[in-house]
Structure formats: structure tokens, C-alpha cells
Amino acid sequence: MKEFDLIRRYFTQAPRHTDVVLGVGDDAALLRVPPGHELAVSVDTLIRGVHFPPQTPPAAVGHKALAVNLSDLAAMGATPRWITLALTLPEQEPDWLEGFARGLLNLAGQHGVELVGGDTTRGPLSITVQIMGVVPAGAALRRRGARPGDRIMVTGTPGDAALALQRLLAGQPLDPDDPLRRRLDRPTPRMAAGLALRGLATACIDISDGLCQDLGHVLAASGVGATLRTSDLPLSAAFLAHMPAERVDWSLPLAGGDDYELLFTVPQPQVALVHERLAGTGCPVAEIGVIEAEPGLRVLDSVGDRLALDRGGYDHFQTAESS
């Protein structure tokens, strides 16, 4: 199959939005940004064996390739609109391509996102998705803005994907429908939560490389410090079924990465409103710590002692195993 036949067969769809002036098939897409809005743009690359295990089903790879980008826009409080796809393939595999395209485009359809262009080439498998969205001018959530006294909150249950990866790397099989495996392969971008936090959160980031490391970016941007309590970290029933509370490896929820949850700060009087707004989205949320004036991050265990971690999160140039 020729390159353009491949694009037409797997990735060309009828236009969804009137804001797409020109989509797939030309040298560039033409897009119309609504008046009074700013354009939010992010891009992520996924590599087999780094961002997903080699045995990951192609539909899950397609889902994750878009989900990680959606999560970035959720952390900005932006509404996703368009994506471009750069796909490098070692060879044409119709079954893999069909599954990948299905996973990508199904999730795109759920969030009203349109594929408007991209590129295909031959080489080691690499998937790059660029996402674009819109946010009312001046309303975007940012990493800076956390203030002493703000409460630190997190959506969902960090650590599930890290535990799934740990088990897979240890040769312990996980069924594709296992809740932990689904959290690794098919993360849920918290789009509704991100929109609900606009005008409420003082700072926000999505957790991709580990809760502590990503919180560190917020602290650095805001010029503050923080204390976290492991006793307040929300752990899923699936996580605790494999690792009882008295034997938790805290490096998984604190530094494991691949969660794609939202980590954010709010003034203490607004915590109840956060619970109210996010309950309306069906997204669980928990308060896990407090922002402080003293620089640095302090993690306290269940008895109040400082907890030391070997690392704060994933680093592409220092961490050897898959993330």
C-alpha cells in the first residue's frame, strides 16, 4: 500500500467541525480559533518498550497515544479540538494499523477531536501526536500560582499503572481486562475535571513522570514547598488486592508515573467546592497535602516520619526500564 493510500484507508474521516477550514490531504491544515480564546498546543512521542510494553495491543497503543495528549490539555483547563499524527512504522501491518487507528479515533470521537493532518514514514515504531485546543483568554490553568496554605489534591488513584508495569517487567502476566493493566494501557484523561477546575485551582499539572516529580515542577514554578502524607494518598482496590496497605511500596504511587491524573492546588476554603464540582463529573478526588513557604518537598509516612524515595519519578535519560 502506498503512503497516501494508507492515510486514506486508516486515518481520513469526514470533517466533524466547522472550525476545520482544511483538514487531511493538503500541505497544512487550516483551523479557525474562536474569538476570545487562546490556542493550547502540546505534543508527545510514544516509543515501543519505553512508553508501552512491546506486547501492548495496537488499539490500546492508539488510545494511549491520544490520551496522554488529552491529559496535557486537561491540566491546562483547555477544550481539545484537533490533532496531527506523525507515525513511523517498521513495515505495514494491516491488523496493527487497523487496531491502532480504531483506538486513536474512537477516543478522538469521545472527546470531539478531529485528526487534521500528519505524516507517515518507515523506521522503528514511533508515534507522535500533536494536540491543539482552545481556552478562554486568560483562563488557562498553569503550574505557577500555588500559595502557602493551599491544599494539594489529586484525581483518581495514582500507582495503578506503575504496579501493572512492575508486574509485567517481572514476568507476571496481567489480563488485558485487569483494572491495573487497563490503567497502564488505556489511561482516562480527566477532561471534565480540568474544565471544572478553571477559576478554582491555583496551579495544576498532569502526572506523567511520577507524582513527586511533577509536583516538584509546580513547587519550582510557584516558588514554594510542600508536605505530603502517604496516609492520605488514594489507593485503588485493585492496587491493594496485590499489595496490602501494610506492605505498600510507596515509590509506585509517589514516583511510578503513567498515571495521567491531575495534581492541583486550591485555597483551603475551596476544597469543599472542588469535591462538589468533581462529583458532578464522576471523577474521584482526594486531598493529599499542603503547600508551604519553606522550599522543598517533604513526604511523611503514617506515623509522621519523613519518607525517603530513591527517585522522584521517571527520567528518560537516567531510567532504564519502560515507563
C-alpha atoms as a PDB file:
ATOM      1  CA  MET A   1       0.000   0.000   0.000  1.00  0.00           C
ATOM      2  CA  LYS A   2       1.332   3.442  -0.895  1.00  0.00           C
ATOM      3  CA  GLU A   3       1.727   6.093   1.810  1.00  0.00           C
ATOM      4  CA  PHE A   4      -1.271   8.177   0.761  1.00  0.00           C
ATOM      5  CA  ASP A   5      -3.445   5.098   0.319  1.00  0.00           C
ATOM      6  CA  LEU A   6      -2.532   4.131   3.899  1.00  0.00           C
ATOM      7  CA  ILE A   7      -3.546   7.586   5.147  1.00  0.00           C
ATOM      8  CA  ARG A   8      -6.848   7.497   3.267  1.00  0.00           C
ATOM      9  CA  ARG A   9      -7.690   3.971   4.433  1.00  0.00           C
ATOM     10  CA  TYR A  10      -6.940   4.278   8.130  1.00  0.00           C
ATOM     11  CA  PHE A  11      -6.875   7.946   9.104  1.00  0.00           C
ATOM     12  CA  THR A  12      -9.130  10.029   6.844  1.00  0.00           C
ATOM     13  CA  GLN A  13     -12.585  10.846   8.201  1.00  0.00           C
ATOM     14  CA  ALA A  14     -15.401  13.188   7.278  1.00  0.00           C
ATOM     15  CA  PRO A  15     -14.969  16.644   8.875  1.00  0.00           C
ATOM     16  CA  ARG A  16     -16.578  16.978  12.309  1.00  0.00           C
ATOM     17  CA  HIS A  17     -16.241  20.698  12.962  1.00  0.00           C
ATOM     18  CA  THR A  18     -16.854  23.885  11.058  1.00  0.00           C
ATOM     19  CA  ASP A  19     -13.664  25.237  12.654  1.00  0.00           C
ATOM     20  CA  VAL A  20     -11.633  22.950  10.376  1.00  0.00           C
ATOM     21  CA  VAL A  21     -11.284  25.014   7.212  1.00  0.00           C
ATOM     22  CA  LEU A  22      -8.992  22.402   5.627  1.00  0.00           C
ATOM     23  CA  GLY A  23      -8.025  19.039   7.093  1.00  0.00           C
ATOM     24  CA  VAL A  24      -6.205  15.879   5.958  1.00  0.00           C
ATOM     25  CA  GLY A  25      -4.907  15.876   2.400  1.00  0.00           C
ATOM     26  CA  ASP A  26      -3.136  19.205   1.893  1.00  0.00           C
ATOM     27  CA  ASP A  27       0.289  20.558   2.814  1.00  0.00           C
ATOM     28  CA  ALA A  28      -1.098  22.018   6.051  1.00  0.00           C
ATOM     29  CA  ALA A  29      -4.362  22.161   7.928  1.00  0.00           C
ATOM     30  CA  LEU A  30      -6.290  25.411   8.230  1.00  0.00           C
ATOM     31  CA  LEU A  31      -8.044  25.887  11.568  1.00  0.00           C
ATOM     32  CA  ARG A  32     -10.311  28.599  12.936  1.00  0.00           C
ATOM     33  CA  VAL A  33      -9.753  29.588  16.597  1.00  0.00           C
ATOM     34  CA  PRO A  34     -12.932  31.016  18.211  1.00  0.00           C
ATOM     35  CA  PRO A  35     -12.820  34.735  19.069  1.00  0.00           C
ATOM     36  CA  GLY A  36     -11.781  35.459  22.636  1.00  0.00           C
ATOM     37  CA  HIS A  37      -9.882  32.182  23.004  1.00  0.00           C
ATOM     38  CA  GLU A  38      -6.229  31.190  23.171  1.00  0.00           C
ATOM     39  CA  LEU A  39      -4.704  28.194  21.403  1.00  0.00           C
ATOM     40  CA  ALA A  40      -3.283  25.465  23.674  1.00  0.00           C
ATOM     41  CA  VAL A  41      -0.773  23.146  21.962  1.00  0.00           C
ATOM     42  CA  SER A  42       1.052  20.063  23.256  1.00  0.00           C
ATOM     43  CA  VAL A  43       2.932  17.154  21.707  1.00  0.00           C
ATOM     44  CA  ASP A  44       4.035  13.720  22.943  1.00  0.00           C
ATOM     45  CA  THR A  45       6.011  10.891  21.367  1.00  0.00           C
ATOM     46  CA  LEU A  46       5.484   7.240  22.299  1.00  0.00           C
ATOM     47  CA  ILE A  47       8.199   4.637  21.706  1.00  0.00           C
ATOM     48  CA  ARG A  48       7.634   0.878  21.977  1.00  0.00           C
ATOM     49  CA  GLY A  49       9.446  -0.507  25.032  1.00  0.00           C
ATOM     50  CA  VAL A  50       9.717   2.955  26.591  1.00  0.00           C
ATOM     51  CA  HIS A  51       6.162   4.276  26.825  1.00  0.00           C
ATOM     52  CA  PHE A  52       4.316   0.987  26.360  1.00  0.00           C
ATOM     53  CA  PRO A  53       5.352  -2.677  26.664  1.00  0.00           C
ATOM     54  CA  PRO A  54       6.019  -4.415  23.330  1.00  0.00           C
ATOM     55  CA  GLN A  55       3.031  -6.758  23.809  1.00  0.00           C
ATOM     56  CA  THR A  56       0.511  -3.907  24.183  1.00  0.00           C
ATOM     57  CA  PRO A  57      -2.491  -4.400  21.831  1.00  0.00           C
ATOM     58  CA  PRO A  58      -2.481  -1.897  18.953  1.00  0.00           C
ATOM     59  CA  ALA A  59      -5.892  -0.428  19.890  1.00  0.00           C
ATOM     60  CA  ALA A  60      -4.511   0.319  23.360  1.00  0.00           C
ATOM     61  CA  VAL A  61      -1.438   1.973  21.806  1.00  0.00           C
ATOM     62  CA  GLY A  62      -3.710   4.198  19.706  1.00  0.00           C
ATOM     63  CA  HIS A  63      -5.805   5.065  22.762  1.00  0.00           C
ATOM     64  CA  LYS A  64      -2.782   5.904  24.886  1.00  0.00           C
ATOM     65  CA  ALA A  65      -1.114   7.970  22.150  1.00  0.00           C
ATOM     66  CA  LEU A  66      -4.065  10.356  22.265  1.00  0.00           C
ATOM     67  CA  ALA A  67      -4.902  10.022  25.971  1.00  0.00           C
ATOM     68  CA  VAL A  68      -1.523  11.342  27.127  1.00  0.00           C
ATOM     69  CA  ASN A  69      -2.017  14.436  24.977  1.00  0.00           C
ATOM     70  CA  LEU A  70      -5.588  14.936  26.141  1.00  0.00           C
ATOM     71  CA  SER A  71      -4.274  14.802  29.705  1.00  0.00           C
ATOM     72  CA  ASP A  72      -1.934  17.721  28.973  1.00  0.00           C
ATOM     73  CA  LEU A  73      -4.847  19.850  27.807  1.00  0.00           C
ATOM     74  CA  ALA A  74      -6.941  18.772  30.798  1.00  0.00           C
ATOM     75  CA  ALA A  75      -4.176  20.107  33.054  1.00  0.00           C
ATOM     76  CA  MET A  76      -4.486  23.465  31.279  1.00  0.00           C
ATOM     77  CA  GLY A  77      -8.278  23.577  31.514  1.00  0.00           C
ATOM     78  CA  ALA A  78      -8.452  23.574  27.701  1.00  0.00           C
ATOM     79  CA  THR A  79     -11.029  22.018  25.391  1.00  0.00           C
ATOM     80  CA  PRO A  80      -9.365  19.700  22.827  1.00  0.00           C
ATOM     81  CA  ARG A  81     -10.223  20.269  19.164  1.00  0.00           C
ATOM     82  CA  TRP A  82      -7.606  18.978  16.718  1.00  0.00           C
ATOM     83  CA  ILE A  83      -4.674  16.577  16.449  1.00  0.00           C
ATOM     84  CA  THR A  84      -1.926  15.783  13.966  1.00  0.00           C
ATOM     85  CA  LEU A  85      -0.213  12.384  13.818  1.00  0.00           C
ATOM     86  CA  ALA A  86       3.362  11.528  12.806  1.00  0.00           C
ATOM     87  CA  LEU A  87       3.624   7.745  12.528  1.00  0.00           C
ATOM     88  CA  THR A  88       6.858   5.848  11.839  1.00  0.00           C
ATOM     89  CA  LEU A  89       6.360   2.155  11.013  1.00  0.00           C
ATOM     90  CA  PRO A  90       8.957  -0.596  10.514  1.00  0.00           C
ATOM     91  CA  GLU A  91       6.586  -2.204   7.997  1.00  0.00           C
ATOM     92  CA  GLN A  92       2.940  -2.159   7.021  1.00  0.00           C
ATOM     93  CA  GLU A  93       0.901  -4.492   9.214  1.00  0.00           C
ATOM     94  CA  PRO A  94      -2.794  -4.107   8.302  1.00  0.00           C
ATOM     95  CA  ASP A  95      -4.075  -5.711  11.507  1.00  0.00           C
ATOM     96  CA  TRP A  96      -1.851  -3.489  13.672  1.00  0.00           C
ATOM     97  CA  LEU A  97      -2.774  -0.364  11.724  1.00  0.00           C
ATOM     98  CA  GLU A  98      -6.486  -1.123  11.900  1.00  0.00           C
ATOM     99  CA  GLY A  99      -6.339  -1.657  15.658  1.00  0.00           C
ATOM    100  CA  PHE A 100      -4.173   1.413  16.251  1.00  0.00           C
ATOM    101  CA  ALA A 101      -6.418   3.665  14.159  1.00  0.00           C
ATOM    102  CA  ARG A 102      -9.521   2.316  15.897  1.00  0.00           C
ATOM    103  CA  GLY A 103      -8.109   3.011  19.367  1.00  0.00           C
ATOM    104  CA  LEU A 104      -6.959   6.505  18.416  1.00  0.00           C
ATOM    105  CA  LEU A 105     -10.079   7.580  16.525  1.00  0.00           C
ATOM    106  CA  ASN A 106     -12.561   6.065  18.998  1.00  0.00           C
ATOM    107  CA  LEU A 107     -11.072   8.163  21.799  1.00  0.00           C
ATOM    108  CA  ALA A 108     -10.945  11.179  19.489  1.00  0.00           C
ATOM    109  CA  GLY A 109     -14.643  10.756  18.796  1.00  0.00           C
ATOM    110  CA  GLN A 110     -15.448  10.592  22.505  1.00  0.00           C
ATOM    111  CA  HIS A 111     -13.842  13.994  23.034  1.00  0.00           C
ATOM    112  CA  GLY A 112     -14.866  15.718  19.800  1.00  0.00           C
ATOM    113  CA  VAL A 113     -11.316  15.794  18.477  1.00  0.00           C
ATOM    114  CA  GLU A 114     -10.547  15.817  14.755  1.00  0.00           C
ATOM    115  CA  LEU A 115      -7.420  14.429  13.062  1.00  0.00           C
ATOM    116  CA  VAL A 116      -6.409  17.184  10.628  1.00  0.00           C
ATOM    117  CA  GLY A 117      -3.015  16.106   9.285  1.00  0.00           C
ATOM    118  CA  GLY A 118       0.323  14.440   9.900  1.00  0.00           C
ATOM    119  CA  ASP A 119       2.993  12.311   8.301  1.00  0.00           C
ATOM    120  CA  THR A 120       3.922   8.654   7.837  1.00  0.00           C
ATOM    121  CA  THR A 121       7.387   7.227   7.253  1.00  0.00           C
ATOM    122  CA  ARG A 122       9.327   3.977   7.562  1.00  0.00           C
ATOM    123  CA  GLY A 123      11.597   3.202  10.508  1.00  0.00           C
ATOM    124  CA  PRO A 124      11.491   1.951  14.134  1.00  0.00           C
ATOM    125  CA  LEU A 125       7.959   2.250  15.543  1.00  0.00           C
ATOM    126  CA  SER A 126       7.397   5.791  16.835  1.00  0.00           C
ATOM    127  CA  ILE A 127       4.119   7.639  17.385  1.00  0.00           C
ATOM    128  CA  THR A 128       3.950  11.409  17.789  1.00  0.00           C
ATOM    129  CA  VAL A 129       0.649  13.162  18.386  1.00  0.00           C
ATOM    130  CA  GLN A 130       0.328  16.918  18.499  1.00  0.00           C
ATOM    131  CA  ILE A 131      -2.866  18.192  20.097  1.00  0.00           C
ATOM    132  CA  MET A 132      -4.442  21.609  19.866  1.00  0.00           C
ATOM    133  CA  GLY A 133      -7.297  23.013  21.889  1.00  0.00           C
ATOM    134  CA  VAL A 134      -8.877  26.256  22.977  1.00  0.00           C
ATOM    135  CA  VAL A 135      -9.310  28.004  26.301  1.00  0.00           C
ATOM    136  CA  PRO A 136     -10.943  31.365  27.060  1.00  0.00           C
ATOM    137  CA  ALA A 137      -8.303  34.098  27.073  1.00  0.00           C
ATOM    138  CA  GLY A 138      -6.653  34.356  30.489  1.00  0.00           C
ATOM    139  CA  ALA A 139      -8.455  31.293  31.908  1.00  0.00           C
ATOM    140  CA  ALA A 140      -5.839  28.562  31.369  1.00  0.00           C
ATOM    141  CA  LEU A 141      -4.620  26.589  34.378  1.00  0.00           C
ATOM    142  CA  ARG A 142      -0.859  26.833  34.872  1.00  0.00           C
ATOM    143  CA  ARG A 143       1.860  25.276  37.011  1.00  0.00           C
ATOM    144  CA  ARG A 144       2.660  28.517  38.769  1.00  0.00           C
ATOM    145  CA  GLY A 145       0.237  30.041  41.244  1.00  0.00           C
ATOM    146  CA  ALA A 146       0.343  27.706  44.251  1.00  0.00           C
ATOM    147  CA  ARG A 147       0.473  29.649  47.524  1.00  0.00           C
ATOM    148  CA  PRO A 148       1.317  28.701  51.130  1.00  0.00           C
ATOM    149  CA  GLY A 149      -1.771  27.247  52.777  1.00  0.00           C
ATOM    150  CA  ASP A 150      -3.203  25.866  49.525  1.00  0.00           C
ATOM    151  CA  ARG A 151      -4.287  22.239  49.698  1.00  0.00           C
ATOM    152  CA  ILE A 152      -2.745  19.721  47.299  1.00  0.00           C
ATOM    153  CA  MET A 153      -5.287  17.466  45.632  1.00  0.00           C
ATOM    154  CA  VAL A 154      -5.179  14.628  43.120  1.00  0.00           C
ATOM    155  CA  THR A 155      -7.740  12.904  40.933  1.00  0.00           C
ATOM    156  CA  GLY A 156      -8.088   9.142  40.688  1.00  0.00           C
ATOM    157  CA  THR A 157      -5.717   6.602  42.228  1.00  0.00           C
ATOM    158  CA  PRO A 158      -2.016   7.062  41.447  1.00  0.00           C
ATOM    159  CA  GLY A 159       0.177   3.964  41.349  1.00  0.00           C
ATOM    160  CA  ASP A 160      -2.063   1.582  39.409  1.00  0.00           C
ATOM    161  CA  ALA A 161      -0.195   1.857  36.105  1.00  0.00           C
ATOM    162  CA  ALA A 162       3.198   1.652  37.831  1.00  0.00           C
ATOM    163  CA  LEU A 163       2.194  -1.532  39.641  1.00  0.00           C
ATOM    164  CA  ALA A 164       0.925  -3.039  36.374  1.00  0.00           C
ATOM    165  CA  LEU A 165       4.236  -2.239  34.670  1.00  0.00           C
ATOM    166  CA  GLN A 166       6.219  -3.613  37.605  1.00  0.00           C
ATOM    167  CA  ARG A 167       4.355  -6.907  37.361  1.00  0.00           C
ATOM    168  CA  LEU A 168       4.767  -7.145  33.595  1.00  0.00           C
ATOM    169  CA  LEU A 169       8.502  -6.433  33.798  1.00  0.00           C
ATOM    170  CA  ALA A 170       8.778  -9.170  36.435  1.00  0.00           C
ATOM    171  CA  GLY A 171       7.157 -11.643  34.024  1.00  0.00           C
ATOM    172  CA  GLN A 172       3.873 -11.762  35.917  1.00  0.00           C
ATOM    173  CA  PRO A 173       1.075 -11.758  33.333  1.00  0.00           C
ATOM    174  CA  LEU A 174      -1.890  -9.409  33.648  1.00  0.00           C
ATOM    175  CA  ASP A 175      -5.078  -9.967  31.679  1.00  0.00           C
ATOM    176  CA  PRO A 176      -5.876  -7.003  29.357  1.00  0.00           C
ATOM    177  CA  ASP A 177      -9.109  -6.505  31.303  1.00  0.00           C
ATOM    178  CA  ASP A 178      -7.358  -6.414  34.681  1.00  0.00           C
ATOM    179  CA  PRO A 179      -8.069  -2.968  36.227  1.00  0.00           C
ATOM    180  CA  LEU A 180      -4.353  -2.302  36.731  1.00  0.00           C
ATOM    181  CA  ARG A 181      -3.498  -3.271  33.157  1.00  0.00           C
ATOM    182  CA  ARG A 182      -6.273  -1.057  31.812  1.00  0.00           C
ATOM    183  CA  ARG A 183      -4.866   1.880  33.772  1.00  0.00           C
ATOM    184  CA  LEU A 184      -1.495   1.298  32.099  1.00  0.00           C
ATOM    185  CA  ASP A 185      -2.769   0.652  28.581  1.00  0.00           C
ATOM    186  CA  ARG A 186      -5.853   2.881  28.479  1.00  0.00           C
ATOM    187  CA  PRO A 187      -5.475   5.860  30.837  1.00  0.00           C
ATOM    188  CA  THR A 188      -8.514   8.071  31.355  1.00  0.00           C
ATOM    189  CA  PRO A 189      -7.814  11.719  30.503  1.00  0.00           C
ATOM    190  CA  ARG A 190      -9.549  13.922  33.097  1.00  0.00           C
ATOM    191  CA  MET A 191     -11.016  16.390  30.625  1.00  0.00           C
ATOM    192  CA  ALA A 192     -14.213  17.244  32.527  1.00  0.00           C
ATOM    193  CA  ALA A 193     -12.241  17.686  35.753  1.00  0.00           C
ATOM    194  CA  GLY A 194      -9.820  20.090  34.086  1.00  0.00           C
ATOM    195  CA  LEU A 195     -12.676  22.246  32.830  1.00  0.00           C
ATOM    196  CA  ALA A 196     -14.349  22.153  36.259  1.00  0.00           C
ATOM    197  CA  LEU A 197     -11.140  23.418  37.903  1.00  0.00           C
ATOM    198  CA  ARG A 198     -10.918  26.562  35.779  1.00  0.00           C
ATOM    199  CA  GLY A 199     -11.152  29.589  38.020  1.00  0.00           C
ATOM    200  CA  LEU A 200     -10.736  27.393  41.103  1.00  0.00           C
ATOM    201  CA  ALA A 201      -7.314  25.694  41.045  1.00  0.00           C
ATOM    202  CA  THR A 202      -4.338  27.956  41.716  1.00  0.00           C
ATOM    203  CA  ALA A 203      -1.943  25.569  39.921  1.00  0.00           C
ATOM    204  CA  CYS A 204      -2.323  22.312  38.009  1.00  0.00           C
ATOM    205  CA  ILE A 205      -0.235  19.644  36.266  1.00  0.00           C
ATOM    206  CA  ASP A 206      -0.893  16.162  34.942  1.00  0.00           C
ATOM    207  CA  ILE A 207       1.006  13.238  36.469  1.00  0.00           C
ATOM    208  CA  SER A 208       3.018  11.532  33.759  1.00  0.00           C
ATOM    209  CA  ASP A 209       6.501  11.054  35.241  1.00  0.00           C
ATOM    210  CA  GLY A 210       5.619  10.492  38.906  1.00  0.00           C
ATOM    211  CA  LEU A 211       3.564  12.394  41.469  1.00  0.00           C
ATOM    212  CA  CYS A 212       6.522  13.771  43.444  1.00  0.00           C
ATOM    213  CA  GLN A 213       8.489  14.781  40.371  1.00  0.00           C
ATOM    214  CA  ASP A 214       5.532  16.500  38.739  1.00  0.00           C
ATOM    215  CA  LEU A 215       4.570  18.213  41.995  1.00  0.00           C
ATOM    216  CA  GLY A 216       8.169  19.429  42.078  1.00  0.00           C
ATOM    217  CA  HIS A 217       7.542  21.294  38.812  1.00  0.00           C
ATOM    218  CA  VAL A 218       4.603  23.109  40.447  1.00  0.00           C
ATOM    219  CA  LEU A 219       6.685  23.956  43.517  1.00  0.00           C
ATOM    220  CA  ALA A 220       9.552  25.288  41.399  1.00  0.00           C
ATOM    221  CA  ALA A 221       7.259  27.371  39.188  1.00  0.00           C
ATOM    222  CA  SER A 222       5.410  28.754  42.211  1.00  0.00           C
ATOM    223  CA  GLY A 223       8.446  29.329  44.461  1.00  0.00           C
ATOM    224  CA  VAL A 224       7.012  27.293  47.363  1.00  0.00           C
ATOM    225  CA  GLY A 225       7.431  23.945  49.162  1.00  0.00           C
ATOM    226  CA  ALA A 226       5.024  21.240  50.308  1.00  0.00           C
ATOM    227  CA  THR A 227       4.322  18.380  52.671  1.00  0.00           C
ATOM    228  CA  LEU A 228       2.528  15.201  51.535  1.00  0.00           C
ATOM    229  CA  ARG A 229       1.032  12.479  53.733  1.00  0.00           C
ATOM    230  CA  THR A 230       1.133   8.888  52.479  1.00  0.00           C
ATOM    231  CA  SER A 231      -1.859   8.075  54.706  1.00  0.00           C
ATOM    232  CA  ASP A 232      -3.969  10.394  52.526  1.00  0.00           C
ATOM    233  CA  LEU A 233      -2.890   9.004  49.153  1.00  0.00           C
ATOM    234  CA  PRO A 234      -5.866   7.309  47.467  1.00  0.00           C
ATOM    235  CA  LEU A 235      -5.070   3.700  46.503  1.00  0.00           C
ATOM    236  CA  SER A 236      -7.436   1.615  44.392  1.00  0.00           C
ATOM    237  CA  ALA A 237      -8.984  -1.673  45.464  1.00  0.00           C
ATOM    238  CA  ALA A 238      -7.116  -3.360  42.611  1.00  0.00           C
ATOM    239  CA  PHE A 239      -3.810  -1.950  43.871  1.00  0.00           C
ATOM    240  CA  LEU A 240      -4.467  -3.072  47.447  1.00  0.00           C
ATOM    241  CA  ALA A 241      -5.518  -6.529  46.265  1.00  0.00           C
ATOM    242  CA  HIS A 242      -1.964  -7.043  45.002  1.00  0.00           C
ATOM    243  CA  MET A 243      -0.227  -5.005  47.698  1.00  0.00           C
ATOM    244  CA  PRO A 244      -1.953  -4.774  51.125  1.00  0.00           C
ATOM    245  CA  ALA A 245      -1.831  -1.437  52.934  1.00  0.00           C
ATOM    246  CA  GLU A 246       0.751  -2.604  55.470  1.00  0.00           C
ATOM    247  CA  ARG A 247       3.191  -3.573  52.672  1.00  0.00           C
ATOM    248  CA  VAL A 248       2.712  -0.742  50.174  1.00  0.00           C
ATOM    249  CA  ASP A 249       5.718   0.171  48.057  1.00  0.00           C
ATOM    250  CA  TRP A 250       5.187   3.930  48.199  1.00  0.00           C
ATOM    251  CA  SER A 251       7.537   4.511  45.278  1.00  0.00           C
ATOM    252  CA  LEU A 252       4.737   3.270  42.988  1.00  0.00           C
ATOM    253  CA  PRO A 253       2.068   5.926  43.715  1.00  0.00           C
ATOM    254  CA  LEU A 254       4.657   8.617  44.502  1.00  0.00           C
ATOM    255  CA  ALA A 255       7.193   8.105  41.719  1.00  0.00           C
ATOM    256  CA  GLY A 256       5.891   5.439  39.339  1.00  0.00           C
ATOM    257  CA  GLY A 257       4.404   7.653  36.642  1.00  0.00           C
ATOM    258  CA  ASP A 258       1.982   6.831  33.798  1.00  0.00           C
ATOM    259  CA  ASP A 259      -0.993   7.900  35.947  1.00  0.00           C
ATOM    260  CA  TYR A 260      -2.263  10.783  33.783  1.00  0.00           C
ATOM    261  CA  GLU A 261      -4.216  12.107  36.728  1.00  0.00           C
ATOM    262  CA  LEU A 262      -4.485  15.793  37.628  1.00  0.00           C
ATOM    263  CA  LEU A 263      -2.451  17.132  40.543  1.00  0.00           C
ATOM    264  CA  PHE A 264      -3.562  20.592  41.598  1.00  0.00           C
ATOM    265  CA  THR A 265      -3.691  23.135  44.408  1.00  0.00           C
ATOM    266  CA  VAL A 266      -6.631  25.107  45.780  1.00  0.00           C
ATOM    267  CA  PRO A 267      -7.140  27.509  48.690  1.00  0.00           C
ATOM    268  CA  GLN A 268      -8.348  25.602  51.773  1.00  0.00           C
ATOM    269  CA  PRO A 269     -11.808  27.287  51.781  1.00  0.00           C
ATOM    270  CA  GLN A 270     -12.410  25.986  48.234  1.00  0.00           C
ATOM    271  CA  VAL A 271     -11.779  22.286  48.976  1.00  0.00           C
ATOM    272  CA  ALA A 272     -15.485  21.564  49.518  1.00  0.00           C
ATOM    273  CA  LEU A 273     -16.326  23.248  46.204  1.00  0.00           C
ATOM    274  CA  VAL A 274     -13.716  21.092  44.440  1.00  0.00           C
ATOM    275  CA  HIS A 275     -15.400  17.952  45.775  1.00  0.00           C
ATOM    276  CA  GLU A 276     -18.785  19.287  44.667  1.00  0.00           C
ATOM    277  CA  ARG A 277     -17.672  20.180  41.147  1.00  0.00           C
ATOM    278  CA  LEU A 278     -15.730  16.989  40.531  1.00  0.00           C
ATOM    279  CA  ALA A 279     -18.505  14.819  41.934  1.00  0.00           C
ATOM    280  CA  GLY A 280     -20.577  16.178  39.075  1.00  0.00           C
ATOM    281  CA  THR A 281     -18.004  14.869  36.598  1.00  0.00           C
ATOM    282  CA  GLY A 282     -17.792  11.406  38.194  1.00  0.00           C
ATOM    283  CA  CYS A 283     -14.086  11.939  38.898  1.00  0.00           C
ATOM    284  CA  PRO A 284     -12.792  10.901  42.341  1.00  0.00           C
ATOM    285  CA  VAL A 285     -10.522  13.387  44.116  1.00  0.00           C
ATOM    286  CA  ALA A 286      -8.532  13.412  47.355  1.00  0.00           C
ATOM    287  CA  GLU A 287      -6.625  15.960  49.442  1.00  0.00           C
ATOM    288  CA  ILE A 288      -3.069  14.702  49.993  1.00  0.00           C
ATOM    289  CA  GLY A 289      -1.006  17.576  51.382  1.00  0.00           C
ATOM    290  CA  VAL A 290      -0.421  21.271  51.853  1.00  0.00           C
ATOM    291  CA  ILE A 291       1.653  23.991  50.188  1.00  0.00           C
ATOM    292  CA  GLU A 292       4.179  25.658  52.493  1.00  0.00           C
ATOM    293  CA  ALA A 293       6.516  28.628  52.321  1.00  0.00           C
ATOM    294  CA  GLU A 294       9.587  26.510  53.180  1.00  0.00           C
ATOM    295  CA  PRO A 295      11.164  25.254  49.936  1.00  0.00           C
ATOM    296  CA  GLY A 296      11.406  21.535  49.199  1.00  0.00           C
ATOM    297  CA  LEU A 297       9.074  18.563  49.290  1.00  0.00           C
ATOM    298  CA  ARG A 298       8.538  16.586  52.488  1.00  0.00           C
ATOM    299  CA  VAL A 299       6.738  13.220  52.398  1.00  0.00           C
ATOM    300  CA  LEU A 300       5.509  11.891  55.735  1.00  0.00           C
ATOM    301  CA  ASP A 301       4.543   8.280  56.434  1.00  0.00           C
ATOM    302  CA  SER A 302       1.561   7.126  58.515  1.00  0.00           C
ATOM    303  CA  VAL A 303       3.309   7.930  61.833  1.00  0.00           C
ATOM    304  CA  GLY A 304       4.647  11.300  60.693  1.00  0.00           C
ATOM    305  CA  ASP A 305       8.233  10.275  59.910  1.00  0.00           C
ATOM    306  CA  ARG A 306       9.994  11.511  56.781  1.00  0.00           C
ATOM    307  CA  LEU A 307       9.839   9.010  53.929  1.00  0.00           C
ATOM    308  CA  ALA A 308      12.878   8.802  51.646  1.00  0.00           C
ATOM    309  CA  LEU A 309      12.444   7.840  47.994  1.00  0.00           C
ATOM    310  CA  ASP A 310      15.236   6.584  45.739  1.00  0.00           C
ATOM    311  CA  ARG A 311      13.903   8.795  42.951  1.00  0.00           C
ATOM    312  CA  GLY A 312      11.092  11.264  42.461  1.00  0.00           C
ATOM    313  CA  GLY A 313       9.913   9.998  39.087  1.00  0.00           C
ATOM    314  CA  TYR A 314      10.799   8.890  35.587  1.00  0.00           C
ATOM    315  CA  ASP A 315      13.714  10.417  33.652  1.00  0.00           C
ATOM    316  CA  HIS A 316      14.186   9.422  30.004  1.00  0.00           C
ATOM    317  CA  PHE A 317      17.941   9.865  30.233  1.00  0.00           C
ATOM    318  CA  GLN A 318      18.501   8.073  33.540  1.00  0.00           C
ATOM    319  CA  THR A 319      15.751   5.458  33.879  1.00  0.00           C
ATOM    320  CA  ALA A 320      16.411   2.238  32.029  1.00  0.00           C
ATOM    321  CA  GLU A 321      13.134   0.329  32.197  1.00  0.00           C
ATOM    322  CA  SER A 322       9.905   1.080  30.350  1.00  0.00           C
ATOM    323  CA  SER A 323       7.798   3.981  31.587  1.00  0.00           C
END
